[in-house]
């Protein structure tokens, strides 16, 4: 049974009230003091015994407690002159069964010094907030330009030239390519080369935001839209990006319900906040990116055809690293130069053997994987030359795996040996290949299981189950 205040012993009440509000006074409907705590009496230069049962205006200078007890109108943060200085008071009517029975008064600040102390604290918080606001606004600027997109291979140059040519347009752009190919860098460069370059560049990863938060993140919400909604509501990223560019990364991971809402915004050029009634006009250029096959998803009913056409006005396909291996030395040197400042190193080089090994690898994680490999190498580097033993194990073992495969092929070609060879079951063979693929994906993502699952294009739950099955920690 819920007992409320009755569960608290009576002799606790006084202490609780004193702790909750430093200075408290309670009057009845006629303004007679029914309760006043010691802290308030001390401040007034009187005692509880002398103050109790007396009209409030006889005890507290310039009081309005008796007025609030009559009008029923609360007075918040009221400046109250007392004892030759000013304090800040709150006054509340007490209503029981719909009738005004009295009033409660509390003192927030006893003197100007206390008020100044609080004001200083608030001022410091306001300045800190301003600092972070400025920092966030700076981060809304795009960081990369076309000269940051490195490569001389024909397929890459074709993608780069097309991106440069369409930068000035306001049409939607769809960037396609595997994870780690540099789709976000292309989006930054397109914005920086456009007429919107001085205006906001806002990036949203549709895969990393939970489905139930995506709508309020994109479109914002009004005050009271849901429990915990911020006072005054919140701007969505469409409003933040107004007149600039909105980069929707991993658009293929956007739920179907959200796809229809996004399409409406793109068609109507206006947003409606969650829980809001009015439409807010917006002018935003959309750059979307995905590593998924959207055309196939449209066929399977997993992606809206009308939204696909709306986004796919200009399609730029960014080639994977394995299809432009000639660019690997140049990209590697650019990445190393970028990392030199971070690691306080100068003139780091790749040995010929390392360069060849990097050229042999298929790079399922593309440039992101290459960057991880080089950063790992710098961390274990003593001198200035990255050698084969500085590379991660899976790259060092490539030669060994290749020679083992050659040996196996030779043995399999020998009909006499072939008869004696125990052939593993298909299940065992597939399990071995699956385990190797998982280990390689984890190596590429530096042990990040969520990214590894994305790389292998399987669900997170399925990936964790397979790790458990193959005893991969």
Protein backbone atom coordinates (compact mmCIF):
# COMPACT_ATOMS: atom_id res chain seq x y z
CA UNK A 1 0.00 0.00 0.00
CA UNK A 2 1.33 3.47 -0.93
CA UNK A 3 1.59 5.52 2.30
CA UNK A 4 3.27 8.73 0.98
CA UNK A 5 4.63 11.13 3.64
CA UNK A 6 3.06 9.04 6.44
CA UNK A 7 5.92 6.55 6.03
CA UNK A 8 8.43 9.24 7.08
CA UNK A 9 8.71 9.71 10.88
CA UNK A 10 7.42 13.14 11.99
CA UNK A 11 10.71 14.12 13.61
CA UNK A 12 12.41 13.80 10.20
CA UNK A 13 10.17 16.39 8.50
CA UNK A 14 11.87 19.45 9.99
CA UNK A 15 15.32 18.32 8.83
CA UNK A 16 14.05 17.35 5.36
CA UNK A 17 12.42 20.78 4.91
CA UNK A 18 15.59 22.56 6.07
CA UNK A 19 17.70 20.56 3.64
CA UNK A 20 15.32 20.94 0.70
CA UNK A 21 14.88 24.70 0.91
CA UNK A 22 17.27 26.81 2.93
CA UNK A 23 14.74 29.47 4.01
CA UNK A 24 11.05 28.62 4.15
CA UNK A 25 7.90 30.32 5.45
CA UNK A 26 4.31 29.02 5.37
CA UNK A 27 1.30 31.28 6.03
CA UNK A 28 -2.42 30.62 6.24
CA UNK A 29 -5.07 32.39 4.14
CA UNK A 30 -4.99 35.42 6.46
CA UNK A 31 -1.19 35.75 6.21
CA UNK A 32 -0.50 34.38 9.71
CA UNK A 33 2.82 32.46 9.92
CA UNK A 34 2.13 28.78 10.58
CA UNK A 35 5.71 27.62 9.97
CA UNK A 36 9.09 29.29 9.52
CA UNK A 37 12.42 27.47 9.72
CA UNK A 38 15.42 28.46 11.81
CA UNK A 39 17.54 29.39 8.80
CA UNK A 40 15.00 32.03 7.73
CA UNK A 41 14.66 33.38 11.29
CA UNK A 42 18.44 33.66 11.60
CA UNK A 43 18.52 35.64 8.35
CA UNK A 44 15.71 37.94 9.63
CA UNK A 45 17.33 38.41 13.05
CA UNK A 46 14.47 36.77 14.98
CA UNK A 47 13.57 33.34 16.41
CA UNK A 48 10.98 30.72 15.50
CA UNK A 49 9.15 31.27 18.82
CA UNK A 50 8.88 35.04 18.19
CA UNK A 51 7.81 34.69 14.54
CA UNK A 52 5.22 31.90 14.71
CA UNK A 53 1.49 32.80 14.80
CA UNK A 54 2.23 36.45 13.87
CA UNK A 55 1.10 38.31 10.71
CA UNK A 56 3.81 37.78 8.09
CA UNK A 57 4.11 41.52 7.30
CA UNK A 58 5.15 42.13 10.94
CA UNK A 59 8.04 39.65 10.66
CA UNK A 60 9.27 39.88 7.04
CA UNK A 61 10.01 43.33 5.62
CA UNK A 62 8.33 44.11 2.24
CA UNK A 63 6.66 40.69 2.18
CA UNK A 64 3.94 39.74 -0.32
CA UNK A 65 3.10 36.38 1.23
CA UNK A 66 -0.30 37.57 2.55
CA UNK A 67 -1.13 38.90 -0.96
CA UNK A 68 -0.23 35.58 -2.67
CA UNK A 69 -2.38 33.77 -0.04
CA UNK A 70 -5.35 35.90 -1.18
CA UNK A 71 -4.81 36.09 -4.99
CA UNK A 72 -3.55 32.54 -5.56
CA UNK A 73 -1.03 33.94 -8.11
CA UNK A 74 2.48 32.48 -7.79
CA UNK A 75 5.47 34.85 -7.99
CA UNK A 76 8.71 33.29 -9.23
CA UNK A 77 12.22 34.77 -8.91
CA UNK A 78 10.83 37.98 -7.43
CA UNK A 79 13.36 40.58 -6.25
CA UNK A 80 12.63 41.29 -2.58
CA UNK A 81 14.36 44.23 -0.76
CA UNK A 82 15.17 43.19 2.82
CA UNK A 83 17.68 44.22 5.50
CA UNK A 84 19.14 46.90 3.23
CA UNK A 85 19.90 44.49 0.37
CA UNK A 86 17.96 42.48 -2.20
CA UNK A 87 17.17 38.80 -2.20
CA UNK A 88 15.42 36.58 -4.76
CA UNK A 89 12.22 34.90 -3.54
CA UNK A 90 9.65 32.39 -4.83
CA UNK A 91 6.07 32.52 -3.56
CA UNK A 92 3.51 29.75 -4.20
CA UNK A 93 -0.19 29.56 -3.24
CA UNK A 94 -1.17 26.38 -1.34
CA UNK A 95 -4.35 24.86 -2.77
CA UNK A 96 -6.21 22.00 -1.04
CA UNK A 97 -9.43 20.55 -2.53
CA UNK A 98 -9.56 23.43 -5.01
CA UNK A 99 -9.43 26.11 -2.29
CA UNK A 100 -6.57 28.51 -1.43
CA UNK A 101 -5.57 27.67 2.14
CA UNK A 102 -2.35 29.67 2.39
CA UNK A 103 1.04 30.27 0.76
CA UNK A 104 4.62 28.95 0.78
CA UNK A 105 7.65 31.23 0.40
CA UNK A 106 11.29 30.31 -0.22
CA UNK A 107 14.39 32.48 -0.46
CA UNK A 108 16.75 31.57 -3.32
CA UNK A 109 19.51 34.15 -2.80
CA UNK A 110 19.98 35.89 0.52
CA UNK A 111 22.15 38.78 -0.65
CA UNK A 112 23.76 40.32 -3.73
CA UNK A 113 27.03 38.41 -3.11
CA UNK A 114 25.25 35.06 -3.25
CA UNK A 115 23.40 36.13 -6.39
CA UNK A 116 26.71 37.28 -7.96
CA UNK A 117 28.28 33.90 -7.15
CA UNK A 118 25.45 32.07 -8.92
CA UNK A 119 25.53 34.56 -11.78
CA UNK A 120 29.28 33.92 -12.23
CA UNK A 121 28.67 30.18 -12.33
CA UNK A 122 25.89 30.60 -14.90
CA UNK A 123 28.05 33.03 -16.89
CA UNK A 124 30.87 30.46 -17.01
CA UNK A 125 28.43 27.80 -18.21
CA UNK A 126 27.06 30.18 -20.86
CA UNK A 127 30.60 30.92 -22.11
CA UNK A 128 31.43 27.20 -22.17
CA UNK A 129 28.23 26.56 -24.13
CA UNK A 130 29.16 29.33 -26.59
CA UNK A 131 32.60 27.74 -27.06
CA UNK A 132 31.12 24.33 -27.87
CA UNK A 133 28.48 25.90 -30.13
CA UNK A 134 31.22 27.67 -32.12
CA UNK A 135 33.19 24.42 -32.26
CA UNK A 136 30.16 22.52 -33.61
CA UNK A 137 29.52 25.24 -36.19
CA UNK A 138 33.13 24.95 -37.35
CA UNK A 139 32.68 21.19 -37.68
CA UNK A 140 29.74 21.82 -40.02
CA UNK A 141 32.29 22.96 -42.59
CA UNK A 142 33.57 20.32 -45.01
CA UNK A 143 37.17 19.26 -44.39
CA UNK A 144 38.35 17.86 -47.74
CA UNK A 145 38.94 19.26 -51.23
CA UNK A 146 39.47 17.58 -54.59
CA UNK A 147 43.27 17.77 -54.14
CA UNK A 148 42.83 15.44 -51.14
CA UNK A 149 41.46 12.71 -53.45
CA UNK A 150 44.61 10.85 -54.47
CA UNK A 151 45.02 8.57 -57.49
CA UNK A 152 45.99 8.50 -61.18
CA UNK A 153 44.24 5.33 -62.36
CA UNK A 154 41.75 5.86 -65.21
CA UNK A 155 38.66 4.63 -63.27
CA UNK A 156 39.41 6.85 -60.26
CA UNK A 157 40.21 9.94 -62.38
CA UNK A 158 36.94 9.47 -64.29
CA UNK A 159 34.96 9.45 -60.97
CA UNK A 160 36.89 12.49 -59.70
CA UNK A 161 36.41 14.49 -62.92
CA UNK A 162 32.66 13.75 -62.93
CA UNK A 163 32.41 14.87 -59.28
CA UNK A 164 34.26 18.12 -60.07
CA UNK A 165 32.03 18.77 -63.09
CA UNK A 166 28.74 18.38 -61.17
CA UNK A 167 29.83 20.22 -57.98
CA UNK A 168 28.22 23.50 -58.99
CA UNK A 169 24.85 21.80 -59.64
CA UNK A 170 22.07 21.56 -57.03
CA UNK A 171 21.01 18.09 -58.18
CA UNK A 172 21.13 15.08 -55.84
CA UNK A 173 24.25 12.92 -56.01
CA UNK A 174 24.46 9.19 -55.28
CA UNK A 175 27.95 7.95 -54.40
CA UNK A 176 28.35 4.18 -54.68
CA UNK A 177 31.31 2.03 -53.75
CA UNK A 178 32.53 -0.46 -51.17
CA UNK A 179 33.20 0.49 -47.53
CA UNK A 180 36.42 2.46 -47.13
CA UNK A 181 36.71 3.72 -50.72
CA UNK A 182 36.39 7.40 -49.72
CA UNK A 183 32.73 8.20 -50.39
CA UNK A 184 32.63 10.74 -47.54
CA UNK A 185 35.76 12.48 -48.87
CA UNK A 186 34.05 12.82 -52.26
CA UNK A 187 30.97 14.34 -50.56
CA UNK A 188 33.14 16.89 -48.69
CA UNK A 189 35.00 17.81 -51.90
CA UNK A 190 31.78 18.25 -53.92
CA UNK A 191 30.36 20.59 -51.23
CA UNK A 192 33.63 22.55 -51.00
CA UNK A 193 33.65 23.09 -54.76
CA UNK A 194 30.00 24.20 -54.89
CA UNK A 195 28.28 27.55 -54.44
CA UNK A 196 27.24 26.32 -50.97
CA UNK A 197 30.84 25.94 -49.72
CA UNK A 198 30.54 28.69 -47.08
CA UNK A 199 27.27 27.21 -45.75
CA UNK A 200 26.76 24.13 -43.52
CA UNK A 201 27.89 20.63 -44.50
CA UNK A 202 26.01 18.15 -42.29
CA UNK A 203 26.84 14.42 -42.34
CA UNK A 204 24.43 11.76 -41.03
CA UNK A 205 25.21 8.04 -40.92
CA UNK A 206 21.85 6.32 -41.42
CA UNK A 207 23.27 2.98 -40.23
CA UNK A 208 24.62 4.22 -36.89
CA UNK A 209 21.46 5.98 -35.62
CA UNK A 210 18.79 3.70 -34.05
CA UNK A 211 15.59 3.56 -36.13
CA UNK A 212 13.40 5.18 -33.42
CA UNK A 213 15.76 8.19 -33.22
CA UNK A 214 16.37 8.70 -36.94
CA UNK A 215 13.17 10.69 -37.60
CA UNK A 216 13.75 13.22 -34.78
CA UNK A 217 17.46 13.42 -35.75
CA UNK A 218 16.63 14.29 -39.37
CA UNK A 219 13.46 16.36 -38.91
CA UNK A 220 13.73 17.59 -35.29
CA UNK A 221 10.93 17.67 -32.73
CA UNK A 222 8.67 20.18 -30.99
CA UNK A 223 8.47 20.71 -27.24
CA UNK A 224 6.36 17.99 -25.58
CA UNK A 225 6.54 15.69 -28.64
CA UNK A 226 7.54 12.80 -26.35
CA UNK A 227 8.69 12.14 -22.78
CA UNK A 228 12.07 13.78 -22.29
CA UNK A 229 11.65 16.14 -25.26
CA UNK A 230 13.84 19.20 -24.72
CA UNK A 231 12.16 22.48 -23.76
CA UNK A 232 11.67 24.58 -26.88
CA UNK A 233 12.11 21.49 -29.09
CA UNK A 234 15.13 20.72 -31.25
CA UNK A 235 16.17 21.46 -34.82
CA UNK A 236 16.59 18.47 -37.11
CA UNK A 237 19.64 18.03 -39.34
CA UNK A 238 17.64 19.21 -42.38
CA UNK A 239 17.10 22.56 -40.64
CA UNK A 240 20.75 22.70 -39.50
CA UNK A 241 21.88 22.06 -43.11
CA UNK A 242 19.49 24.65 -44.58
CA UNK A 243 21.03 26.39 -47.65
CA UNK A 244 23.96 23.94 -47.43
CA UNK A 245 24.55 20.23 -48.08
CA UNK A 246 23.20 17.19 -46.24
CA UNK A 247 25.29 14.04 -46.64
CA UNK A 248 23.27 10.88 -46.00
CA UNK A 249 25.83 8.09 -45.57
CA UNK A 250 24.76 4.42 -45.75
CA UNK A 251 21.37 5.41 -47.23
CA UNK A 252 20.80 1.70 -48.06
CA UNK A 253 20.43 1.03 -44.32
CA UNK A 254 17.54 3.49 -43.91
CA UNK A 255 14.29 1.72 -42.82
CA UNK A 256 11.44 1.72 -45.36
CA UNK A 257 9.17 3.78 -43.07
CA UNK A 258 11.80 6.54 -42.99
CA UNK A 259 12.40 6.32 -46.74
CA UNK A 260 8.82 7.49 -47.45
CA UNK A 261 9.21 10.43 -45.01
CA UNK A 262 12.53 11.40 -46.61
CA UNK A 263 10.95 11.26 -50.08
CA UNK A 264 8.16 13.61 -48.96
CA UNK A 265 10.72 16.14 -47.67
CA UNK A 266 12.69 15.99 -50.93
CA UNK A 267 9.51 16.46 -52.99
CA UNK A 268 7.87 19.19 -50.90
CA UNK A 269 11.14 20.95 -49.91
CA UNK A 270 9.81 21.36 -46.36
CA UNK A 271 10.04 19.49 -43.07
CA UNK A 272 7.61 18.92 -40.26
CA UNK A 273 9.08 18.32 -36.83
CA UNK A 274 7.99 15.28 -34.81
CA UNK A 275 4.92 16.39 -32.82
CA UNK A 276 4.82 19.68 -34.76
CA UNK A 277 2.05 21.10 -36.94
CA UNK A 278 3.73 23.75 -39.07
CA UNK A 279 5.85 23.06 -42.16
CA UNK A 280 9.33 24.57 -42.28
CA UNK A 281 10.68 25.38 -45.78
CA UNK A 282 14.20 24.06 -46.47
CA UNK A 283 16.73 24.37 -49.29
CA UNK A 284 19.23 21.54 -49.02
CA UNK A 285 21.41 19.73 -51.54
CA UNK A 286 21.43 15.97 -50.92
CA UNK A 287 24.49 13.78 -51.37
CA UNK A 288 23.74 10.15 -50.52
CA UNK A 289 26.19 7.26 -50.31
CA UNK A 290 25.92 3.49 -50.02
CA UNK A 291 28.02 0.33 -50.33
CA UNK A 292 24.86 -1.68 -51.11
CA UNK A 293 23.38 -2.56 -54.50
CA UNK A 294 20.36 -0.24 -54.40
CA UNK A 295 19.00 -1.47 -57.74
CA UNK A 296 18.87 -5.02 -56.38
CA UNK A 297 17.28 -3.72 -53.15
CA UNK A 298 14.61 -1.94 -55.25
CA UNK A 299 13.87 -5.23 -57.05
CA UNK A 300 13.59 -7.04 -53.70
CA UNK A 301 11.27 -4.32 -52.30
CA UNK A 302 13.81 -3.26 -49.65
CA UNK A 303 14.33 0.22 -51.06
CA UNK A 304 11.69 2.56 -52.48
CA UNK A 305 11.96 2.90 -56.25
CA UNK A 306 10.68 6.50 -56.26
CA UNK A 307 13.28 7.51 -53.63
CA UNK A 308 16.01 5.72 -55.59
CA UNK A 309 15.18 7.77 -58.70
CA UNK A 310 15.03 10.97 -56.62
CA UNK A 311 18.55 10.33 -55.23
CA UNK A 312 20.08 8.80 -58.35
CA UNK A 313 20.13 11.99 -60.45
CA UNK A 314 23.95 11.97 -60.69
CA UNK A 315 25.57 8.64 -59.90
CA UNK A 316 29.29 8.46 -59.18
CA UNK A 317 30.85 5.04 -58.73
CA UNK A 318 34.08 5.05 -56.74
CA UNK A 319 36.31 2.09 -57.68
CA UNK A 320 37.65 -0.27 -54.95
CA UNK A 321 41.38 -0.27 -54.20
CA UNK A 322 41.95 -3.70 -55.77
CA UNK A 323 40.81 -2.23 -59.13
CA UNK A 324 43.35 0.59 -58.92
CA UNK A 325 46.38 -1.10 -57.41
CA UNK A 326 48.74 1.20 -59.32
CA UNK A 327 47.55 3.99 -56.97
CA UNK A 328 48.58 2.09 -53.79
CA UNK A 329 52.17 3.50 -53.52
CA UNK A 330 50.95 7.08 -54.06
CA UNK A 331 48.03 6.72 -51.59
CA UNK A 332 50.36 5.06 -49.05
CA UNK A 333 52.87 7.92 -49.20
CA UNK A 334 50.05 10.50 -48.84
CA UNK A 335 48.63 8.65 -45.81
CA UNK A 336 52.11 8.37 -44.24
CA UNK A 337 52.68 12.09 -44.72
CA UNK A 338 49.34 12.76 -42.99
CA UNK A 339 50.35 10.53 -40.07
CA UNK A 340 53.85 11.96 -39.66
CA UNK A 341 52.55 14.96 -37.69
CA UNK A 342 50.38 12.76 -35.50
CA UNK A 343 53.32 10.51 -34.56
CA UNK A 344 56.00 13.26 -34.59
CA UNK A 345 57.95 11.44 -37.33
CA UNK A 346 59.57 12.64 -40.54
CA UNK A 347 60.23 11.05 -43.96
CA UNK A 348 58.85 7.55 -43.33
CA UNK A 349 59.34 5.25 -46.31
CA UNK A 350 58.14 1.84 -47.52
CA UNK A 351 60.63 -0.90 -48.39
CA UNK A 352 60.34 -2.36 -51.91
CA UNK A 353 59.17 -5.68 -50.42
CA UNK A 354 56.40 -3.93 -48.42
CA UNK A 355 55.29 -1.99 -51.50
CA UNK A 356 55.04 -5.27 -53.45
CA UNK A 357 53.14 -6.95 -50.61
CA UNK A 358 50.67 -4.05 -50.45
CA UNK A 359 50.17 -4.36 -54.21
CA UNK A 360 49.48 -8.12 -53.91
CA UNK A 361 46.75 -7.76 -51.27
CA UNK A 362 43.08 -7.56 -52.37
CA UNK A 363 42.12 -4.87 -49.77
CA UNK A 364 38.54 -5.82 -48.84
CA UNK A 365 38.52 -2.81 -46.47
CA UNK A 366 39.94 -0.53 -49.19
CA UNK A 367 41.72 2.75 -48.24
CA UNK A 368 40.42 2.55 -44.65
CA UNK A 369 42.14 -0.84 -44.28
CA UNK A 370 45.35 0.50 -45.88
CA UNK A 371 45.34 3.43 -43.42
CA UNK A 372 44.90 1.00 -40.48
CA UNK A 373 47.79 -1.16 -41.74
CA UNK A 374 50.14 1.84 -42.10
CA UNK A 375 49.16 3.30 -38.71
CA UNK A 376 49.84 -0.08 -37.08
CA UNK A 377 53.23 -0.22 -38.83
CA UNK A 378 54.23 3.27 -37.55
CA UNK A 379 53.32 2.21 -34.01
CA UNK A 380 55.88 -0.63 -34.08
CA UNK A 381 58.47 1.22 -36.21
CA UNK A 382 61.95 1.98 -34.82
CA UNK A 383 63.63 3.75 -37.74
CA UNK A 384 62.20 5.39 -40.84
CA UNK A 385 61.74 2.37 -43.13
CA UNK A 386 58.57 0.24 -42.92
CA UNK A 387 59.64 -3.36 -43.50
CA UNK A 388 57.74 -6.61 -43.97
CA UNK A 389 57.92 -7.52 -40.25
CA UNK A 390 56.19 -4.23 -39.37
CA UNK A 391 53.06 -5.36 -41.22
CA UNK A 392 50.16 -7.15 -39.49
CA UNK A 393 50.35 -10.96 -39.43
CA UNK A 394 47.67 -11.55 -42.07
CA UNK A 395 49.71 -9.52 -44.61
CA UNK A 396 53.01 -11.15 -43.63
CA UNK A 397 51.47 -14.63 -44.04
CA UNK A 398 50.20 -13.91 -47.55
CA UNK A 399 53.30 -15.39 -49.20
CA UNK A 400 53.10 -18.50 -47.02
CA UNK A 401 49.39 -19.01 -47.87
CA UNK A 402 50.18 -18.59 -51.59
CA UNK A 403 53.00 -21.18 -51.47
CA UNK A 404 50.77 -23.63 -49.52
CA UNK A 405 48.04 -23.26 -52.13
CA UNK A 406 50.56 -23.93 -54.91
CA UNK A 407 51.73 -27.07 -53.10
CA UNK A 408 48.14 -28.26 -52.67
CA UNK A 409 47.43 -27.65 -56.37
CA UNK A 410 50.52 -29.64 -57.36
CA UNK A 411 49.55 -32.55 -55.09
CA UNK A 412 45.96 -32.52 -56.35
CA UNK A 413 47.19 -32.77 -59.92
CA UNK A 414 49.07 -36.01 -59.10
CA UNK A 415 46.52 -38.84 -59.63
CA UNK A 416 48.52 -41.31 -57.47
CA UNK A 417 48.71 -38.97 -54.50
CA UNK A 418 45.14 -37.88 -55.12
CA UNK A 419 43.82 -41.34 -54.32
CA UNK A 420 45.54 -41.35 -50.93
CA UNK A 421 44.50 -37.78 -49.95
CA UNK A 422 41.76 -37.65 -47.31
CA UNK A 423 39.12 -35.27 -48.70
CA UNK A 424 37.58 -33.09 -45.97
CA UNK A 425 33.80 -32.84 -45.91
CA UNK A 426 32.22 -29.85 -47.62
CA UNK A 427 30.94 -28.70 -44.23
CA UNK A 428 34.50 -28.66 -42.77
CA UNK A 429 35.90 -26.89 -45.83
CA UNK A 430 33.20 -24.19 -45.72
CA UNK A 431 33.68 -23.76 -41.95
CA UNK A 432 37.44 -23.26 -42.46
CA UNK A 433 36.89 -20.67 -45.20
CA UNK A 434 34.25 -18.90 -43.08
CA UNK A 435 36.59 -18.72 -40.08
CA UNK A 436 39.42 -17.32 -42.23
CA UNK A 437 37.09 -14.70 -43.72
CA UNK A 438 35.95 -13.59 -40.22
CA UNK A 439 39.53 -13.39 -38.94
CA UNK A 440 40.58 -11.34 -41.95
CA UNK A 441 37.61 -8.97 -41.57
CA UNK A 442 38.47 -8.46 -37.88
CA UNK A 443 42.09 -7.75 -38.80
CA UNK A 444 40.94 -5.15 -41.32
CA UNK A 445 38.66 -3.40 -38.78
CA UNK A 446 41.15 -3.59 -35.89
CA UNK A 447 38.90 -6.02 -34.01
CA UNK A 448 35.69 -3.96 -34.38
CA UNK A 449 33.02 -6.67 -34.72
CA UNK A 450 30.25 -4.35 -35.89
CA UNK A 451 32.39 -2.99 -38.76
CA UNK A 452 33.61 -6.51 -39.58
CA UNK A 453 29.99 -7.72 -39.87
CA UNK A 454 29.25 -4.83 -42.26
CA UNK A 455 32.35 -5.70 -44.31
CA UNK A 456 31.15 -9.31 -44.67
CA UNK A 457 27.61 -8.03 -45.37
CA UNK A 458 25.99 -10.12 -42.62
CA UNK A 459 23.90 -9.11 -39.61
CA UNK A 460 25.52 -8.25 -36.28
CA UNK A 461 23.74 -11.11 -34.43
CA UNK A 462 24.71 -13.64 -37.10
CA UNK A 463 28.34 -12.43 -36.93
CA UNK A 464 28.51 -12.86 -33.12
CA UNK A 465 27.02 -16.37 -33.43
CA UNK A 466 29.64 -17.36 -36.01
CA UNK A 467 32.44 -15.98 -33.79
CA UNK A 468 31.15 -18.14 -30.94
CA UNK A 469 30.90 -21.18 -33.22
CA UNK A 470 34.49 -20.79 -34.45
CA UNK A 471 35.77 -19.86 -30.96
CA UNK A 472 36.88 -16.39 -32.09
CA UNK A 473 37.19 -14.04 -29.12
